[in-house]
Protein backbone atom coordinates (compact mmCIF):
# COMPACT_ATOMS: atom_id res chain seq x y z
CA CYS A 1 -21.07 17.88 -7.47
CA MET A 2 -21.85 14.45 -6.07
CA ASP A 3 -20.88 12.88 -9.39
CA LEU A 4 -17.23 13.64 -8.60
CA PHE A 5 -17.56 12.04 -5.17
CA TRP A 6 -19.05 8.87 -6.67
CA ASN A 7 -16.39 8.80 -9.37
CA GLY A 8 -13.83 8.75 -6.56
CA VAL A 9 -15.75 5.91 -4.89
CA LYS A 10 -15.73 3.88 -8.10
CA LEU A 11 -11.99 4.36 -8.59
CA GLY A 12 -11.43 3.36 -4.95
CA LEU A 13 -13.41 0.16 -5.51
CA ALA A 14 -11.31 -0.63 -8.58
CA LEU A 15 -8.12 -0.08 -6.56
CA SER A 16 -9.36 -2.46 -3.86
CA LEU A 17 -9.29 -5.32 -6.38
CA LEU A 18 -5.58 -4.94 -7.14
CA ALA A 19 -3.11 -7.36 -5.56
CA GLY A 20 0.30 -6.02 -4.64
CA PRO A 21 2.77 -5.48 -1.81
CA ILE A 22 0.32 -3.25 0.08
CA LEU A 23 -2.33 -5.96 0.17
CA ILE A 24 0.24 -8.54 1.25
CA ALA A 25 1.42 -6.32 4.12
CA LEU A 26 -2.15 -5.78 5.34
CA ILE A 27 -3.20 -9.43 5.19
CA GLN A 28 -0.01 -10.86 6.67
CA THR A 29 0.04 -8.44 9.60
CA SER A 30 -3.66 -8.90 10.34
CA ILE A 31 -3.44 -12.69 10.37
CA GLU A 32 -0.29 -12.78 12.49
CA GLN A 33 -0.95 -9.95 14.93
CA GLY A 34 -4.65 -9.13 14.83
CA PHE A 35 -7.01 -6.41 13.63
CA ARG A 36 -5.48 -3.45 15.48
CA ALA A 37 -1.99 -4.31 14.20
CA GLY A 38 -3.29 -4.55 10.64
CA TRP A 39 -5.14 -1.29 11.10
CA MET A 40 -1.95 0.47 12.17
CA VAL A 41 -0.28 -0.73 8.95
CA GLY A 42 -3.36 0.63 7.18
CA TRP A 43 -2.96 4.00 8.87
CA GLY A 44 0.61 4.20 7.63
CA ILE A 45 -0.65 3.53 4.10
CA TRP A 46 -3.48 6.06 4.33
CA ILE A 47 -1.33 8.83 5.76
CA SER A 48 1.16 8.22 2.95
CA ASP A 49 -1.69 8.54 0.42
CA LEU A 50 -2.88 11.76 2.04
CA LEU A 51 0.62 13.21 1.78
CA PHE A 52 0.70 12.37 -1.93
CA ILE A 53 -2.71 13.98 -2.37
CA SER A 54 -1.56 17.11 -0.53
CA ALA A 55 1.63 17.32 -2.58
CA THR A 56 -0.22 17.05 -5.88
CA TYR A 57 -3.07 19.26 -4.70
CA PHE A 58 -0.92 22.17 -3.56
CA GLY A 59 1.97 21.74 -5.97
CA ILE A 60 0.55 20.73 -9.33
CA SER A 61 3.09 22.85 -11.26
CA TRP A 62 5.96 21.18 -9.36
CA VAL A 63 4.39 17.75 -10.01
CA ALA A 64 4.12 18.45 -13.72
CA HIS A 65 7.81 19.37 -13.81
CA LEU A 66 8.74 16.24 -11.83
CA THR A 67 6.99 13.90 -14.26
CA GLU A 68 9.12 15.27 -17.10
CA TRP A 69 12.34 14.09 -15.42
CA ASP A 70 13.67 11.06 -17.32
CA GLY A 71 15.36 9.57 -14.26
CA LEU A 72 12.22 9.48 -12.07
CA GLU A 73 11.15 5.94 -12.96
CA LYS A 74 14.65 4.53 -12.41
CA VAL A 75 15.10 6.20 -9.02
CA LEU A 76 11.68 5.03 -7.83
CA GLY A 77 12.22 1.54 -9.21
CA VAL A 78 15.58 1.08 -7.49
CA GLY A 79 14.49 2.60 -4.18
CA GLY A 80 11.15 0.83 -4.07
CA GLY A 81 12.65 -2.46 -5.23
CA LEU A 82 15.33 -2.51 -2.55
CA ILE A 83 12.83 -1.64 0.18
CA LEU A 84 10.40 -4.39 -0.86
CA ILE A 85 13.24 -6.93 -1.08
CA ALA A 86 14.41 -5.94 2.42
CA PHE A 87 10.91 -6.39 3.86
CA GLY A 88 10.54 -9.66 1.95
CA VAL A 89 13.83 -11.12 3.18
CA GLY A 90 12.99 -10.13 6.75
CA SER A 91 9.57 -11.73 6.51
CA TYR A 92 10.90 -14.90 4.87
CA LEU A 93 13.78 -15.55 7.26
CA THR A 94 12.14 -14.70 10.60
CA LYS A 95 9.56 -16.69 12.49
CA PRO A 96 6.55 -15.11 14.21
CA PRO A 97 7.39 -15.13 17.95
CA GLN A 98 5.06 -16.37 20.69
CA MET A 99 3.18 -18.85 18.56
CA GLU A 100 1.89 -20.79 21.57
CA GLY A 101 -1.77 -20.15 22.10
CA PHE A 102 -2.01 -18.63 18.63
CA GLU A 103 -5.33 -20.34 17.88
CA LYS A 104 -7.02 -18.60 20.80
CA LYS A 105 -5.82 -15.04 20.34
CA ALA A 106 -3.57 -13.07 18.01
CA ILE A 107 -0.46 -11.76 19.71
CA ARG A 108 0.95 -8.40 18.68
CA HIS A 109 4.74 -8.58 18.78
CA SER A 110 5.54 -5.32 16.93
CA SER A 111 5.11 -1.82 18.30
CA TYR A 112 2.37 0.33 16.83
CA LEU A 113 5.03 2.74 15.57
CA ALA A 114 6.85 -0.08 13.76
CA LEU A 115 3.59 -1.27 12.19
CA TRP A 116 2.65 2.25 11.10
CA THR A 117 6.12 2.77 9.66
CA LYS A 118 5.91 -0.48 7.71
CA GLY A 119 2.71 0.60 5.98
CA PHE A 120 3.99 4.13 5.38
CA VAL A 121 7.33 3.03 3.90
CA ILE A 122 5.92 0.30 1.64
CA ASN A 123 3.28 2.66 0.25
CA THR A 124 5.49 5.74 -0.03
CA PHE A 125 8.30 4.01 -1.92
CA ASN A 126 6.00 1.95 -4.13
CA PRO A 127 6.39 3.41 -7.66
CA PHE A 128 2.82 2.39 -8.52
CA THR A 129 1.52 4.59 -5.70
CA ILE A 130 3.59 7.58 -6.80
CA PHE A 131 2.70 7.33 -10.48
CA PHE A 132 -0.95 6.70 -9.61
CA TRP A 133 -1.28 9.95 -7.65
CA LEU A 134 0.74 11.86 -10.23
CA GLY A 135 -1.57 10.55 -12.94
CA ILE A 136 -4.71 11.37 -10.98
CA SER A 137 -3.57 14.93 -10.30
CA GLY A 138 -2.70 15.43 -13.94
CA LEU A 139 -6.11 14.15 -15.01
CA LEU A 140 -8.05 16.28 -12.54
CA PHE A 141 -6.21 19.58 -12.86
CA THR A 142 -4.83 19.50 -16.39
CA GLU A 143 -7.25 17.56 -18.57
CA ARG A 144 -10.50 18.17 -16.71
CA ASN A 145 -9.56 21.59 -15.33
CA LEU A 146 -11.31 20.96 -12.03
CA LEU A 147 -11.45 23.62 -9.38
CA PRO A 148 -9.78 22.79 -6.05
CA VAL A 149 -13.15 22.37 -4.32
CA GLU A 150 -14.24 19.91 -7.02
CA ALA A 151 -11.00 17.93 -6.72
CA ARG A 152 -11.55 17.69 -2.95
CA GLN A 153 -14.87 15.95 -3.53
CA PHE A 154 -13.23 13.39 -5.79
CA TYR A 155 -10.35 12.77 -3.37
CA THR A 156 -12.80 12.44 -0.45
CA GLY A 157 -14.79 9.73 -2.21
CA LEU A 158 -11.61 7.92 -3.23
CA MET A 159 -9.92 7.97 0.19
CA CYS A 160 -13.10 7.04 2.08
CA THR A 161 -13.46 4.01 -0.16
CA VAL A 162 -9.81 3.03 0.25
CA VAL A 163 -10.05 3.20 4.05
CA VAL A 164 -13.31 1.20 4.16
CA THR A 165 -12.17 -1.53 1.76
CA ASP A 166 -8.76 -1.88 3.43
CA SER A 167 -10.48 -2.16 6.82
CA LEU A 168 -12.73 -4.91 5.43
CA LYS A 169 -9.67 -6.80 4.18
CA ILE A 170 -8.07 -6.49 7.63
CA GLY A 171 -11.24 -7.75 9.30
CA LEU A 172 -11.52 -10.66 6.86
CA ALA A 173 -7.91 -11.64 7.51
CA LYS A 174 -8.59 -11.68 11.24
CA ALA A 175 -11.64 -13.90 10.67
CA ILE A 176 -9.57 -16.34 8.60
CA ARG A 177 -6.82 -16.74 11.20
CA ARG A 178 -9.03 -18.71 13.59
CA TRP A 179 -8.89 -21.65 11.17
CA LEU A 180 -5.13 -21.49 10.70
CA LYS A 181 -2.55 -23.44 12.66
CA PRO A 182 0.86 -22.00 13.60
CA LYS A 183 2.64 -24.01 10.90
CA TYR A 184 0.37 -22.45 8.28
CA ILE A 185 1.22 -19.00 9.58
CA LEU A 186 4.91 -19.78 9.09
CA TRP A 187 4.24 -20.79 5.50
CA LEU A 188 2.09 -17.72 4.99
CA ARG A 189 4.96 -15.55 6.20
CA ARG A 190 7.34 -17.27 3.78
CA ILE A 191 4.92 -16.90 0.88
CA ALA A 192 4.35 -13.23 1.72
CA GLY A 193 8.11 -12.65 2.02
CA GLY A 194 8.73 -14.38 -1.29
CA ALA A 195 6.01 -12.32 -2.97
CA LEU A 196 7.49 -9.06 -1.67
CA MET A 197 10.92 -10.10 -2.95
CA VAL A 198 9.44 -10.88 -6.37
CA PHE A 199 7.74 -7.48 -6.50
CA GLY A 200 11.04 -5.85 -5.54
CA LEU A 201 13.02 -7.75 -8.17
CA VAL A 202 10.48 -6.82 -10.83
CA LEU A 203 10.82 -3.16 -9.91
CA LEU A 204 14.62 -3.39 -10.13
CA ALA A 205 14.43 -5.21 -13.46
CA ARG A 206 12.13 -2.54 -14.85
CA ALA A 207 14.34 0.25 -13.53
CA PHE A 208 17.35 -1.15 -15.41
CA LYS A 209 15.26 -1.99 -18.50
CA PHE A 210 15.77 -5.74 -18.19
CA ILE A 211 12.05 -6.19 -18.62
CA GLN A 212 9.32 -3.91 -19.93
CA PHE A 213 5.55 -4.09 -19.51
């Protein structure tokens, strides 16, 4: 049914409007190192999403059991928080190398494997990502009782939209960089690093019940 495909598209569009550590990683990498570098971060994110989809698709009974574990949120909050803080500190304290000639052409200074790993790790250990896919699988298979072939149509629409919208963000970031000077890139890196640290601290605070929302 095409309605399921379009429902996935609509949810993907709603996701594209959210601001979080994933968006920061995409934009920062694209501005500093160019479209292909940003796209490799994107591939890490998308592969991570596909693994979550596969896990929930083929193991819905295991997923349902996992969500009942009281310690899940704390483990994810601590792990995800520490990872985001680590990425944030690294981004804040380091300077982008080879800034000469930056205005003419973006210079990729990270390997494609490192870029892919960055996207994969940030997405995989982001509690929002995990709970999002757990919630989606529960909705599709438990509440709506969809058949596997029907769920595939929904997931296809959702993932196609995520890939397209993320690619547009990467392309827009590349277009913006031509108006930025090296000193602005340094400040952008510090702002992005600070934002990642804030996200990480919020996750830790939630994990230990210091804050609730």
